N, C-alpha and C. Protein backbone atom coordinates (compact mmCIF):
# COMPACT_ATOMS: atom_id res chain seq x y z
N MET A 1 -23.04 109.17 171.25
CA MET A 1 -21.46 109.20 171.23
C MET A 1 -21.02 107.75 171.22
N GLU A 2 -21.39 106.81 172.05
CA GLU A 2 -20.77 105.30 172.08
C GLU A 2 -21.03 104.90 170.45
N GLN A 3 -22.19 105.16 169.95
CA GLN A 3 -22.38 104.51 168.48
C GLN A 3 -21.34 104.87 167.67
N LYS A 4 -20.98 106.27 167.73
CA LYS A 4 -20.07 107.00 166.81
C LYS A 4 -18.51 106.18 167.11
N ALA A 5 -18.30 105.70 168.36
CA ALA A 5 -17.05 105.37 168.59
C ALA A 5 -17.03 103.73 168.05
N LYS A 6 -18.23 103.30 167.94
CA LYS A 6 -18.31 101.62 167.52
C LYS A 6 -18.09 101.65 165.91
N THR A 7 -18.76 102.68 165.36
CA THR A 7 -18.67 102.95 163.86
C THR A 7 -17.31 103.18 163.45
N ARG A 8 -16.83 104.15 164.35
CA ARG A 8 -15.34 104.43 163.92
C ARG A 8 -14.41 103.27 164.07
N ALA A 9 -14.75 102.32 165.21
CA ALA A 9 -13.84 101.24 165.49
C ALA A 9 -14.13 100.12 164.06
N LEU A 10 -15.37 99.96 163.94
CA LEU A 10 -15.64 99.00 162.69
C LEU A 10 -14.84 99.65 161.49
N LEU A 11 -15.13 100.85 161.05
CA LEU A 11 -14.36 101.38 159.91
C LEU A 11 -12.76 101.21 159.93
N ALA A 12 -12.35 101.29 161.24
CA ALA A 12 -11.12 101.36 161.27
C ALA A 12 -10.36 100.01 161.15
N ALA A 13 -11.26 98.88 161.62
CA ALA A 13 -10.93 97.43 161.75
C ALA A 13 -11.07 96.91 160.15
N PHE A 14 -11.87 97.44 159.46
CA PHE A 14 -12.21 96.94 157.91
C PHE A 14 -11.22 97.57 157.23
N GLY A 15 -10.83 98.86 157.43
CA GLY A 15 -9.86 99.41 156.61
C GLY A 15 -8.47 98.89 156.71
N CYS A 16 -7.98 98.48 158.13
CA CYS A 16 -6.87 97.95 158.33
C CYS A 16 -6.81 96.31 157.52
N ALA A 17 -7.80 95.67 157.60
CA ALA A 17 -7.92 94.47 156.99
C ALA A 17 -7.69 94.74 155.33
N LEU A 18 -8.63 95.52 154.89
CA LEU A 18 -8.33 95.90 153.56
C LEU A 18 -6.93 96.32 153.10
N ALA A 19 -6.38 97.10 154.06
CA ALA A 19 -4.86 97.55 153.60
C ALA A 19 -3.87 96.31 153.62
N TYR A 20 -4.27 95.46 154.46
CA TYR A 20 -3.32 94.19 154.61
C TYR A 20 -3.70 93.56 153.03
N LEU A 21 -5.14 93.15 153.01
CA LEU A 21 -5.33 92.51 151.37
C LEU A 21 -4.69 93.20 150.34
N LEU A 22 -4.77 94.49 150.15
CA LEU A 22 -4.11 95.09 149.25
C LEU A 22 -2.76 95.33 149.21
N ALA A 23 -2.10 95.48 150.36
CA ALA A 23 -0.61 95.14 150.47
C ALA A 23 -0.20 93.78 149.78
N GLY A 24 -0.81 92.69 150.12
CA GLY A 24 -0.50 91.27 149.73
C GLY A 24 -0.51 91.24 147.96
N LYS A 25 -1.62 92.03 147.61
CA LYS A 25 -1.86 91.96 146.22
C LYS A 25 -0.67 92.66 145.57
N VAL A 26 -0.08 93.99 146.13
CA VAL A 26 0.84 94.56 145.42
C VAL A 26 2.16 93.84 145.52
N LEU A 27 2.28 93.11 146.77
CA LEU A 27 3.77 92.48 146.87
C LEU A 27 3.66 91.25 145.84
N ALA A 28 2.61 90.76 145.44
CA ALA A 28 2.46 89.75 144.45
C ALA A 28 3.18 90.01 143.08
N PHE A 29 3.05 91.44 142.72
CA PHE A 29 3.49 91.72 141.53
C PHE A 29 5.14 92.16 141.55
N LEU A 30 5.78 92.06 142.65
CA LEU A 30 7.12 92.22 142.88
C LEU A 30 7.82 90.85 142.22
N PRO A 31 8.93 91.03 141.79
CA PRO A 31 9.49 89.69 141.25
C PRO A 31 10.11 89.02 142.42
N ALA A 32 10.29 87.71 142.45
CA ALA A 32 10.36 86.88 143.43
C ALA A 32 12.02 86.69 143.66
N PRO A 33 12.27 86.58 144.82
CA PRO A 33 13.82 86.58 144.86
C PRO A 33 14.32 85.10 144.22
N ALA A 34 15.44 85.09 143.93
CA ALA A 34 16.13 83.79 143.09
C ALA A 34 16.34 82.59 144.28
N TRP A 35 15.41 82.37 144.97
CA TRP A 35 15.66 81.57 145.99
C TRP A 35 15.17 80.28 145.52
N ASP A 36 15.27 79.11 146.10
CA ASP A 36 14.63 77.74 146.08
C ASP A 36 13.34 77.94 146.26
N VAL A 37 12.35 77.50 145.51
CA VAL A 37 10.96 77.58 145.51
C VAL A 37 10.42 77.19 147.09
N ARG A 38 10.90 76.06 147.55
CA ARG A 38 10.33 75.63 148.77
C ARG A 38 10.95 76.18 150.10
N ALA A 39 12.14 76.83 149.69
CA ALA A 39 12.71 77.86 150.95
C ALA A 39 12.00 79.04 150.86
N LEU A 40 11.64 79.55 149.75
CA LEU A 40 10.74 80.87 149.75
C LEU A 40 9.41 80.70 150.37
N SER A 41 8.77 79.47 149.98
CA SER A 41 7.66 79.09 150.73
C SER A 41 7.65 78.92 152.08
N PHE A 42 8.82 78.35 152.63
CA PHE A 42 8.92 78.34 154.16
C PHE A 42 8.93 79.56 154.80
N VAL A 43 9.81 80.69 154.23
CA VAL A 43 10.05 81.78 154.67
C VAL A 43 8.60 82.33 154.93
N HIS A 44 7.87 82.50 153.66
CA HIS A 44 6.70 83.01 153.68
C HIS A 44 5.77 82.44 154.52
N HIS A 45 5.39 81.35 154.56
CA HIS A 45 4.25 80.87 155.23
C HIS A 45 4.68 80.48 156.87
N CYS A 46 6.04 80.17 157.11
CA CYS A 46 6.35 80.03 158.53
C CYS A 46 6.94 80.82 159.39
N ILE A 47 7.27 82.13 158.66
CA ILE A 47 8.02 83.06 159.41
C ILE A 47 7.46 84.37 159.11
N ALA A 48 7.20 84.82 157.86
CA ALA A 48 6.67 86.01 157.66
C ALA A 48 5.25 86.16 157.87
N ALA A 49 4.28 85.19 157.48
CA ALA A 49 2.94 85.26 157.65
C ALA A 49 2.60 85.27 159.18
N PRO A 50 2.81 84.22 159.84
CA PRO A 50 2.31 84.45 161.36
C PRO A 50 2.83 85.78 162.02
N VAL A 51 4.12 86.37 161.78
CA VAL A 51 4.32 87.56 162.41
C VAL A 51 3.58 88.54 161.99
N VAL A 52 3.56 88.94 160.60
CA VAL A 52 2.77 89.95 160.16
C VAL A 52 1.15 89.68 160.30
N GLU A 53 0.68 88.58 160.52
CA GLU A 53 -0.68 88.48 160.45
C GLU A 53 -1.29 88.53 161.93
N GLU A 54 -0.33 88.32 162.94
CA GLU A 54 -0.54 88.52 164.26
C GLU A 54 -0.33 89.92 164.43
N LEU A 55 0.54 90.62 163.97
CA LEU A 55 0.69 92.18 164.07
C LEU A 55 -0.70 92.69 163.74
N VAL A 56 -1.06 92.35 162.37
CA VAL A 56 -2.41 93.07 161.74
C VAL A 56 -3.68 92.77 162.47
N PHE A 57 -3.94 91.41 162.58
CA PHE A 57 -5.15 90.99 163.28
C PHE A 57 -5.39 90.95 164.68
N ARG A 58 -4.51 90.22 165.32
CA ARG A 58 -4.61 90.18 166.78
C ARG A 58 -4.06 91.73 167.49
N GLY A 59 -3.06 92.12 166.78
CA GLY A 59 -2.39 93.53 167.13
C GLY A 59 -3.42 94.74 166.80
N ALA A 60 -3.26 95.16 165.69
CA ALA A 60 -3.88 96.26 165.23
C ALA A 60 -5.65 96.08 165.12
N ILE A 61 -6.03 95.25 164.50
CA ILE A 61 -7.33 95.09 164.38
C ILE A 61 -8.21 94.85 165.56
N GLN A 62 -7.71 93.89 166.22
CA GLN A 62 -8.44 93.67 167.68
C GLN A 62 -8.23 94.80 168.68
N GLN A 63 -7.11 95.51 168.48
CA GLN A 63 -7.04 96.66 169.47
C GLN A 63 -8.24 97.68 169.01
N LEU A 64 -8.00 98.00 167.74
CA LEU A 64 -8.81 98.99 166.89
C LEU A 64 -10.41 98.70 167.35
N ALA A 65 -10.81 97.61 167.19
CA ALA A 65 -12.08 97.23 167.52
C ALA A 65 -12.37 97.08 169.06
N GLN A 66 -11.67 97.33 169.96
CA GLN A 66 -12.03 97.21 171.41
C GLN A 66 -13.20 98.12 171.78
N PRO A 67 -13.54 99.24 171.32
CA PRO A 67 -14.85 99.86 171.51
C PRO A 67 -15.95 98.96 171.46
N LEU A 68 -15.98 97.96 170.58
CA LEU A 68 -17.16 97.28 170.29
C LEU A 68 -17.47 96.05 171.36
N GLY A 69 -16.19 95.99 172.47
CA GLY A 69 -16.24 95.00 173.47
C GLY A 69 -15.04 94.10 173.18
N ARG A 70 -14.75 93.73 174.32
CA ARG A 70 -13.37 92.65 174.05
C ARG A 70 -13.72 91.48 173.51
N TRP A 71 -14.74 90.78 173.94
CA TRP A 71 -14.56 89.63 172.91
C TRP A 71 -15.30 89.80 171.42
N GLN A 72 -16.19 90.72 171.32
CA GLN A 72 -16.68 91.10 170.12
C GLN A 72 -15.42 91.48 169.02
N ALA A 73 -14.67 92.40 169.77
CA ALA A 73 -13.12 92.77 169.09
C ALA A 73 -12.61 91.49 168.54
N ALA A 74 -12.43 90.43 169.51
CA ALA A 74 -11.77 89.31 169.24
C ALA A 74 -12.27 88.37 168.18
N ALA A 75 -13.81 88.36 168.30
CA ALA A 75 -14.70 87.83 167.01
C ALA A 75 -14.50 88.49 165.72
N LEU A 76 -14.51 89.91 165.60
CA LEU A 76 -14.24 90.41 164.54
C LEU A 76 -13.17 90.18 163.84
N GLN A 77 -11.92 90.26 164.33
CA GLN A 77 -10.63 89.90 163.87
C GLN A 77 -10.48 88.78 163.17
N ALA A 78 -11.21 87.75 164.03
CA ALA A 78 -11.18 86.11 163.53
C ALA A 78 -12.00 86.24 162.33
N VAL A 79 -13.20 86.90 162.03
CA VAL A 79 -13.83 86.82 160.86
C VAL A 79 -13.29 87.14 159.70
N LEU A 80 -12.43 88.55 159.96
CA LEU A 80 -11.57 89.26 158.97
C LEU A 80 -10.55 88.38 158.60
N PHE A 81 -9.68 87.74 159.65
CA PHE A 81 -8.74 86.82 159.37
C PHE A 81 -9.24 85.76 158.29
N ALA A 82 -10.50 85.37 158.79
CA ALA A 82 -10.77 84.14 157.86
C ALA A 82 -11.04 84.31 156.50
N VAL A 83 -11.65 85.65 156.27
CA VAL A 83 -11.95 86.13 154.80
C VAL A 83 -10.67 86.16 154.16
N GLN A 84 -9.52 86.62 154.55
CA GLN A 84 -8.23 86.63 154.15
C GLN A 84 -7.70 85.14 153.47
N HIS A 85 -8.21 84.14 154.00
CA HIS A 85 -8.03 82.83 153.46
C HIS A 85 -8.53 82.00 152.54
N GLY A 86 -9.38 82.76 151.75
CA GLY A 86 -9.69 82.37 150.39
C GLY A 86 -10.97 81.24 150.09
N THR A 87 -10.13 79.86 150.51
CA THR A 87 -11.22 78.89 150.17
C THR A 87 -11.89 78.73 151.17
N PRO A 88 -13.37 77.94 151.08
CA PRO A 88 -14.12 77.66 152.15
C PRO A 88 -13.34 76.76 153.24
N ALA A 89 -12.61 75.87 152.88
CA ALA A 89 -11.98 74.85 153.91
C ALA A 89 -10.81 75.94 154.53
N GLY A 90 -10.22 76.79 153.92
CA GLY A 90 -9.17 77.70 154.58
C GLY A 90 -9.91 78.77 155.34
N MET A 91 -11.01 79.25 154.93
CA MET A 91 -11.66 80.12 155.90
C MET A 91 -12.28 79.56 157.12
N ALA A 92 -12.82 78.22 157.03
CA ALA A 92 -13.22 77.59 158.11
C ALA A 92 -12.16 77.36 159.23
N TRP A 93 -10.89 76.79 158.80
CA TRP A 93 -9.91 76.66 159.75
C TRP A 93 -9.24 77.92 160.35
N ALA A 94 -9.32 79.05 159.35
CA ALA A 94 -8.79 80.26 159.70
C ALA A 94 -9.64 80.91 160.77
N LEU A 95 -10.84 80.90 160.72
CA LEU A 95 -11.84 81.12 161.46
C LEU A 95 -11.70 80.67 163.06
N GLY A 96 -11.48 79.30 162.92
CA GLY A 96 -11.27 78.61 164.25
C GLY A 96 -10.14 78.99 164.86
N CYS A 97 -8.96 79.25 164.13
CA CYS A 97 -7.52 79.34 164.62
C CYS A 97 -7.72 81.09 165.15
N GLY A 98 -8.34 81.89 164.27
CA GLY A 98 -8.63 83.17 164.62
C GLY A 98 -9.23 83.36 165.89
N LEU A 99 -10.04 82.48 166.12
CA LEU A 99 -10.98 82.76 167.60
C LEU A 99 -10.06 82.29 168.59
N VAL A 100 -9.19 81.14 168.46
CA VAL A 100 -8.37 80.80 169.38
C VAL A 100 -7.29 81.76 169.65
N LEU A 101 -6.72 82.27 168.57
CA LEU A 101 -5.59 83.31 168.77
C LEU A 101 -6.06 84.52 169.37
N GLY A 102 -7.33 85.07 168.78
CA GLY A 102 -8.00 86.42 169.62
C GLY A 102 -8.18 86.12 171.13
N ALA A 103 -8.76 84.92 171.32
CA ALA A 103 -8.99 84.69 172.80
C ALA A 103 -7.46 84.55 173.76
N LEU A 104 -6.57 84.27 173.08
CA LEU A 104 -5.25 84.10 173.66
C LEU A 104 -4.80 85.51 173.68
N ARG A 105 -4.84 86.30 172.93
CA ARG A 105 -4.33 87.80 172.94
C ARG A 105 -5.18 88.55 173.92
N GLU A 106 -6.41 88.20 173.87
CA GLU A 106 -7.33 88.79 175.03
C GLU A 106 -6.89 88.50 176.42
N ARG A 107 -6.70 87.21 176.57
CA ARG A 107 -6.29 86.64 177.78
C ARG A 107 -5.19 87.03 178.40
N THR A 108 -4.05 87.10 177.59
CA THR A 108 -2.41 87.40 177.84
C THR A 108 -2.34 88.85 177.75
N GLY A 109 -3.13 89.48 176.83
CA GLY A 109 -2.76 91.16 176.54
C GLY A 109 -1.46 91.08 175.66
N ARG A 110 -0.98 90.11 175.33
CA ARG A 110 0.26 90.22 174.22
C ARG A 110 -0.10 89.38 173.11
N ILE A 111 0.72 89.85 171.92
CA ILE A 111 0.60 89.00 170.73
C ILE A 111 1.42 87.86 170.65
N TRP A 112 2.79 87.84 171.21
CA TRP A 112 3.78 86.91 170.93
C TRP A 112 3.17 85.59 171.23
N PRO A 113 2.48 85.21 172.25
CA PRO A 113 2.16 83.84 172.19
C PRO A 113 1.33 83.42 171.09
N GLY A 114 0.45 84.23 170.61
CA GLY A 114 -0.23 83.91 169.26
C GLY A 114 0.77 83.83 168.17
N MET A 115 1.85 84.49 168.11
CA MET A 115 2.74 84.43 167.00
C MET A 115 3.56 83.04 167.13
N LEU A 116 3.56 82.48 168.27
CA LEU A 116 4.44 81.12 168.31
C LEU A 116 3.22 80.13 167.94
N LEU A 117 2.18 80.08 168.61
CA LEU A 117 1.11 79.34 167.99
C LEU A 117 0.90 79.18 166.55
N HIS A 118 0.74 80.32 166.08
CA HIS A 118 0.53 80.66 164.62
C HIS A 118 1.56 79.87 163.79
N THR A 119 2.81 80.21 164.41
CA THR A 119 4.13 79.58 163.75
C THR A 119 4.11 78.05 163.49
N LEU A 120 3.64 77.53 164.94
CA LEU A 120 3.61 76.15 165.09
C LEU A 120 2.53 75.47 163.99
N ASN A 121 1.44 76.07 164.12
CA ASN A 121 0.39 75.74 163.06
C ASN A 121 0.87 75.72 161.59
N ASN A 122 1.59 76.78 161.17
CA ASN A 122 1.89 76.79 159.73
C ASN A 122 3.26 76.07 159.72
N LEU A 123 3.95 75.62 160.56
CA LEU A 123 5.02 74.65 160.34
C LEU A 123 4.40 73.12 160.24
N LEU A 124 3.38 73.11 161.00
CA LEU A 124 2.63 71.59 160.84
C LEU A 124 2.02 71.38 159.56
N VAL A 125 1.28 72.43 159.07
CA VAL A 125 0.67 72.35 157.71
C VAL A 125 1.74 72.43 156.62
N PHE A 126 2.99 73.10 156.71
CA PHE A 126 3.99 73.18 155.81
C PHE A 126 4.58 71.63 155.70
N ALA A 127 4.95 71.26 156.86
CA ALA A 127 5.50 69.73 156.78
C ALA A 127 4.48 68.70 156.34
N ALA A 128 3.20 68.90 156.57
CA ALA A 128 2.18 67.84 155.71
C ALA A 128 2.07 68.21 154.47
N GLY A 129 2.42 69.44 153.87
CA GLY A 129 2.12 69.62 152.23
C GLY A 129 3.37 69.12 151.83
């Protein structure tokens, strides 16, 4: 019985990550608002992405993967989070961030601290770029 619960948890976590990835691909086909490109990039990277990614990865995926174990769930969501970030350098950075944010979510039981830290990270990256 325990093995079935773990299999269901893995499938649910992978399904959630796949749905997130596909939703992003679908949104890419929508016409962009007539905003300044830099303003649109800021809203996407520094507001929308941290909130949505924390809800999906540290919220839904980490919760769905709990039957695997608390820290295994945190590690799984970090790996799935990293895969979503494309380039090898982006994936390495996202894996480290995902592990820290997953541990923060596990320690606090909340996702809002991770949203704040994720937003701060993205603001620093945005300002540097």
